Amino acid sequence: MDELVPRPGHRVIVCGPSCSGKSTLAARLGETLGLPFIELDALFWRPNWKEPTEEEFAAQIDEATAGDRWVVAGNYIRHMTPIAWPRADTPLPAAR
């Protein structure tokens, strides 16, 4: 039966709308698979809710997803599509 359920890879993206459980799913998945968990909100927001520039955030995403093993949670599709999505081997939508 286990052969019917594909095992996630080592570069996983969990995306979905706000409050859909992305971070919870990604953190648990990372813990279960032994992969580092990257929460994009933690990368994006600066003190006092200040936003980074496009270039700063792109550089952070690039650095965070440069390795061979990670689980990313977030809904920054515009920022993620050119950088992290080509690197991912398992994109997962969060349950709603």
N, C-alpha and C. Protein backbone atom coordinates (compact mmCIF):
# COMPACT_ATOMS: atom_id res chain seq x y z
N MET A 1 0.81 -1.19 0.00
CA MET A 1 0.00 0.00 0.00
C MET A 1 0.86 1.26 0.00
N ASP A 2 2.01 1.25 0.69
CA ASP A 2 2.86 2.43 0.74
C ASP A 2 3.36 2.84 -0.63
N GLU A 3 3.46 1.90 -1.58
CA GLU A 3 3.92 2.25 -2.92
C GLU A 3 2.93 3.15 -3.64
N LEU A 4 1.66 3.15 -3.20
CA LEU A 4 0.64 3.97 -3.85
C LEU A 4 0.70 5.43 -3.44
N VAL A 5 1.34 5.70 -2.32
CA VAL A 5 1.44 7.07 -1.82
C VAL A 5 2.86 7.56 -2.07
N PRO A 6 3.03 8.52 -2.99
CA PRO A 6 4.39 8.99 -3.28
C PRO A 6 4.99 9.72 -2.09
N ARG A 7 6.25 9.50 -1.85
CA ARG A 7 6.96 10.18 -0.77
C ARG A 7 7.41 11.55 -1.27
N PRO A 8 7.23 12.58 -0.44
CA PRO A 8 7.70 13.90 -0.86
C PRO A 8 9.20 13.90 -1.08
N GLY A 9 9.66 14.82 -1.89
CA GLY A 9 11.08 14.96 -2.16
C GLY A 9 11.79 15.68 -1.04
N HIS A 10 12.88 16.36 -1.38
CA HIS A 10 13.70 17.06 -0.40
C HIS A 10 13.62 18.57 -0.53
N ARG A 11 12.85 19.06 -1.49
CA ARG A 11 12.65 20.50 -1.69
C ARG A 11 11.16 20.71 -1.92
N VAL A 12 10.47 21.03 -0.83
CA VAL A 12 9.00 21.05 -0.81
C VAL A 12 8.50 22.48 -0.61
N ILE A 13 7.51 22.87 -1.42
CA ILE A 13 6.84 24.16 -1.24
C ILE A 13 5.40 23.89 -0.86
N VAL A 14 4.96 24.50 0.24
CA VAL A 14 3.56 24.43 0.67
C VAL A 14 3.00 25.83 0.52
N CYS A 15 1.99 25.96 -0.35
CA CYS A 15 1.40 27.28 -0.57
C CYS A 15 -0.11 27.18 -0.45
N GLY A 16 -0.74 28.32 -0.25
CA GLY A 16 -2.19 28.37 -0.12
C GLY A 16 -2.59 29.71 0.46
N PRO A 17 -3.89 29.94 0.58
CA PRO A 17 -4.37 31.22 1.09
C PRO A 17 -4.06 31.40 2.58
N SER A 18 -4.25 32.61 3.05
CA SER A 18 -4.02 32.94 4.44
C SER A 18 -4.86 32.04 5.35
N CYS A 19 -4.26 31.61 6.43
CA CYS A 19 -4.92 30.78 7.46
C CYS A 19 -5.36 29.41 6.94
N SER A 20 -4.69 28.88 5.92
CA SER A 20 -5.06 27.58 5.37
C SER A 20 -4.28 26.43 6.00
N GLY A 21 -3.31 26.74 6.84
CA GLY A 21 -2.52 25.70 7.50
C GLY A 21 -1.17 25.44 6.86
N LYS A 22 -0.71 26.36 6.01
CA LYS A 22 0.57 26.20 5.31
C LYS A 22 1.73 25.98 6.28
N SER A 23 1.87 26.87 7.23
CA SER A 23 3.01 26.81 8.15
C SER A 23 2.94 25.58 9.03
N THR A 24 1.76 25.24 9.50
CA THR A 24 1.60 24.05 10.34
C THR A 24 1.96 22.80 9.57
N LEU A 25 1.43 22.67 8.36
CA LEU A 25 1.73 21.50 7.52
C LEU A 25 3.22 21.45 7.20
N ALA A 26 3.79 22.57 6.78
CA ALA A 26 5.20 22.59 6.39
C ALA A 26 6.12 22.29 7.56
N ALA A 27 5.82 22.84 8.73
CA ALA A 27 6.65 22.58 9.91
C ALA A 27 6.61 21.11 10.29
N ARG A 28 5.43 20.52 10.27
CA ARG A 28 5.30 19.10 10.61
C ARG A 28 5.97 18.22 9.55
N LEU A 29 5.81 18.59 8.31
CA LEU A 29 6.45 17.83 7.24
C LEU A 29 7.96 17.90 7.36
N GLY A 30 8.47 19.10 7.61
CA GLY A 30 9.91 19.26 7.81
C GLY A 30 10.42 18.43 8.97
N GLU A 31 9.69 18.43 10.07
CA GLU A 31 10.09 17.65 11.24
C GLU A 31 10.07 16.15 10.92
N THR A 32 9.02 15.70 10.25
CA THR A 32 8.88 14.28 9.92
C THR A 32 9.96 13.81 8.96
N LEU A 33 10.27 14.64 7.97
CA LEU A 33 11.25 14.26 6.94
C LEU A 33 12.68 14.68 7.28
N GLY A 34 12.85 15.42 8.38
CA GLY A 34 14.18 15.89 8.75
C GLY A 34 14.70 16.98 7.84
N LEU A 35 13.78 17.85 7.37
CA LEU A 35 14.15 18.94 6.46
C LEU A 35 14.02 20.27 7.18
N PRO A 36 14.91 21.23 6.88
CA PRO A 36 14.77 22.56 7.47
C PRO A 36 13.48 23.23 7.01
N PHE A 37 12.82 23.92 7.94
CA PHE A 37 11.57 24.62 7.66
C PHE A 37 11.85 26.11 7.46
N ILE A 38 11.35 26.65 6.35
CA ILE A 38 11.52 28.07 6.02
C ILE A 38 10.14 28.69 5.95
N GLU A 39 9.88 29.65 6.81
CA GLU A 39 8.60 30.36 6.79
C GLU A 39 8.81 31.71 6.12
N LEU A 40 8.18 31.90 4.97
CA LEU A 40 8.41 33.12 4.19
C LEU A 40 7.96 34.38 4.91
N ASP A 41 6.92 34.31 5.72
CA ASP A 41 6.51 35.50 6.48
C ASP A 41 7.64 35.97 7.38
N ALA A 42 8.37 35.03 7.97
CA ALA A 42 9.48 35.39 8.85
C ALA A 42 10.61 36.05 8.07
N LEU A 43 10.78 35.65 6.80
CA LEU A 43 11.79 36.30 5.96
C LEU A 43 11.33 37.68 5.48
N PHE A 44 10.05 37.77 5.19
CA PHE A 44 9.52 38.97 4.56
C PHE A 44 9.41 40.17 5.51
N TRP A 45 8.75 39.97 6.64
CA TRP A 45 8.42 41.11 7.51
C TRP A 45 9.60 41.54 8.35
N ARG A 46 9.87 42.84 8.31
CA ARG A 46 10.91 43.47 9.12
C ARG A 46 10.26 44.01 10.40
N PRO A 47 11.06 44.46 11.35
CA PRO A 47 10.49 45.08 12.56
C PRO A 47 9.51 46.20 12.19
N ASN A 48 8.48 46.32 12.99
CA ASN A 48 7.41 47.31 12.78
C ASN A 48 6.67 47.09 11.47
N TRP A 49 6.60 45.83 11.02
CA TRP A 49 5.86 45.44 9.82
C TRP A 49 6.34 46.14 8.56
N LYS A 50 7.60 46.45 8.53
CA LYS A 50 8.18 47.08 7.34
C LYS A 50 8.50 46.01 6.31
N GLU A 51 8.20 46.30 5.04
CA GLU A 51 8.44 45.35 3.96
C GLU A 51 9.83 45.55 3.35
N PRO A 52 10.47 44.46 2.91
CA PRO A 52 11.74 44.60 2.23
C PRO A 52 11.52 45.06 0.79
N THR A 53 12.58 45.47 0.15
CA THR A 53 12.47 45.77 -1.29
C THR A 53 12.32 44.45 -2.04
N GLU A 54 11.90 44.53 -3.27
CA GLU A 54 11.78 43.33 -4.12
C GLU A 54 13.12 42.61 -4.19
N GLU A 55 14.17 43.36 -4.36
CA GLU A 55 15.51 42.78 -4.50
C GLU A 55 15.95 42.10 -3.21
N GLU A 56 15.69 42.74 -2.07
CA GLU A 56 16.06 42.15 -0.78
C GLU A 56 15.34 40.83 -0.55
N PHE A 57 14.03 40.81 -0.82
CA PHE A 57 13.26 39.60 -0.59
C PHE A 57 13.67 38.50 -1.55
N ALA A 58 13.91 38.85 -2.81
CA ALA A 58 14.36 37.86 -3.78
C ALA A 58 15.69 37.25 -3.35
N ALA A 59 16.59 38.06 -2.84
CA ALA A 59 17.89 37.57 -2.37
C ALA A 59 17.71 36.62 -1.18
N GLN A 60 16.78 36.93 -0.30
CA GLN A 60 16.53 36.07 0.86
C GLN A 60 15.95 34.72 0.42
N ILE A 61 15.01 34.75 -0.51
CA ILE A 61 14.43 33.51 -1.03
C ILE A 61 15.51 32.69 -1.72
N ASP A 62 16.33 33.36 -2.51
CA ASP A 62 17.42 32.68 -3.22
C ASP A 62 18.35 31.99 -2.23
N GLU A 63 18.75 32.70 -1.21
CA GLU A 63 19.66 32.13 -0.20
C GLU A 63 19.00 30.99 0.57
N ALA A 64 17.75 31.18 0.98
CA ALA A 64 17.05 30.18 1.79
C ALA A 64 16.80 28.88 1.03
N THR A 65 16.61 28.97 -0.28
CA THR A 65 16.29 27.78 -1.07
C THR A 65 17.46 27.29 -1.94
N ALA A 66 18.65 27.78 -1.66
CA ALA A 66 19.82 27.37 -2.45
C ALA A 66 20.28 25.95 -2.12
N GLY A 67 19.95 25.48 -0.92
CA GLY A 67 20.38 24.14 -0.51
C GLY A 67 19.56 23.04 -1.15
N ASP A 68 19.95 21.81 -0.85
CA ASP A 68 19.30 20.64 -1.43
C ASP A 68 18.12 20.14 -0.63
N ARG A 69 17.91 20.66 0.59
CA ARG A 69 16.87 20.12 1.46
C ARG A 69 16.15 21.25 2.19
N TRP A 70 14.83 21.37 1.99
CA TRP A 70 14.05 22.38 2.69
C TRP A 70 12.55 22.17 2.46
N VAL A 71 11.77 22.75 3.37
CA VAL A 71 10.32 22.86 3.22
C VAL A 71 9.99 24.33 3.41
N VAL A 72 9.37 24.93 2.41
CA VAL A 72 9.02 26.35 2.44
C VAL A 72 7.51 26.49 2.58
N ALA A 73 7.08 27.41 3.43
CA ALA A 73 5.66 27.72 3.57
C ALA A 73 5.45 29.19 3.29
N GLY A 74 4.50 29.49 2.42
CA GLY A 74 4.17 30.88 2.14
C GLY A 74 3.33 31.02 0.90
N ASN A 75 2.86 32.22 0.69
CA ASN A 75 2.00 32.49 -0.46
C ASN A 75 2.53 33.70 -1.22
N TYR A 76 3.80 33.74 -1.42
CA TYR A 76 4.45 34.83 -2.15
C TYR A 76 4.76 34.35 -3.57
N ILE A 77 3.70 33.99 -4.27
CA ILE A 77 3.84 33.36 -5.58
C ILE A 77 4.67 34.22 -6.54
N ARG A 78 4.39 35.49 -6.57
CA ARG A 78 5.10 36.39 -7.49
C ARG A 78 6.60 36.37 -7.22
N HIS A 79 6.96 36.26 -5.97
CA HIS A 79 8.37 36.24 -5.61
C HIS A 79 8.99 34.85 -5.73
N MET A 80 8.19 33.84 -5.43
CA MET A 80 8.70 32.46 -5.41
C MET A 80 8.83 31.84 -6.80
N THR A 81 7.93 32.19 -7.71
CA THR A 81 7.87 31.53 -9.01
C THR A 81 9.21 31.53 -9.76
N PRO A 82 9.90 32.65 -9.87
CA PRO A 82 11.15 32.60 -10.64
C PRO A 82 12.34 31.99 -9.89
N ILE A 83 12.25 31.87 -8.57
CA ILE A 83 13.41 31.43 -7.81
C ILE A 83 13.24 30.02 -7.25
N ALA A 84 12.28 29.84 -6.37
CA ALA A 84 12.15 28.58 -5.64
C ALA A 84 11.38 27.50 -6.40
N TRP A 85 10.38 27.89 -7.17
CA TRP A 85 9.58 26.87 -7.85
C TRP A 85 10.40 26.00 -8.79
N PRO A 86 11.33 26.56 -9.56
CA PRO A 86 12.15 25.68 -10.41
C PRO A 86 13.04 24.72 -9.61
N ARG A 87 13.34 25.05 -8.38
CA ARG A 87 14.19 24.21 -7.53
C ARG A 87 13.40 23.12 -6.80
N ALA A 88 12.11 23.35 -6.62
CA ALA A 88 11.28 22.43 -5.83
C ALA A 88 11.07 21.10 -6.57
N ASP A 89 11.00 20.04 -5.78
CA ASP A 89 10.64 18.76 -6.37
C ASP A 89 9.28 18.29 -5.87
N THR A 90 8.68 19.03 -4.92
CA THR A 90 7.38 18.66 -4.39
C THR A 90 6.59 19.90 -4.00
N PRO A 91 5.82 20.50 -4.92
CA PRO A 91 4.94 21.59 -4.53
C PRO A 91 3.63 21.02 -4.00
N LEU A 92 3.19 21.48 -2.82
CA LEU A 92 1.96 20.99 -2.20
C LEU A 92 1.02 22.14 -1.86
N PRO A 93 -0.25 22.03 -2.23
CA PRO A 93 -1.21 23.03 -1.76
C PRO A 93 -1.61 22.70 -0.33
N ALA A 94 -1.82 23.71 0.48
CA ALA A 94 -2.28 23.49 1.85
C ALA A 94 -3.77 23.17 1.81
N ALA A 95 -4.21 22.36 2.76
CA ALA A 95 -5.63 22.03 2.85
C ALA A 95 -6.40 23.28 3.26
N ARG A 96 -7.62 23.33 2.86
CA ARG A 96 -8.42 24.50 3.22
C ARG A 96 -9.50 24.13 4.16
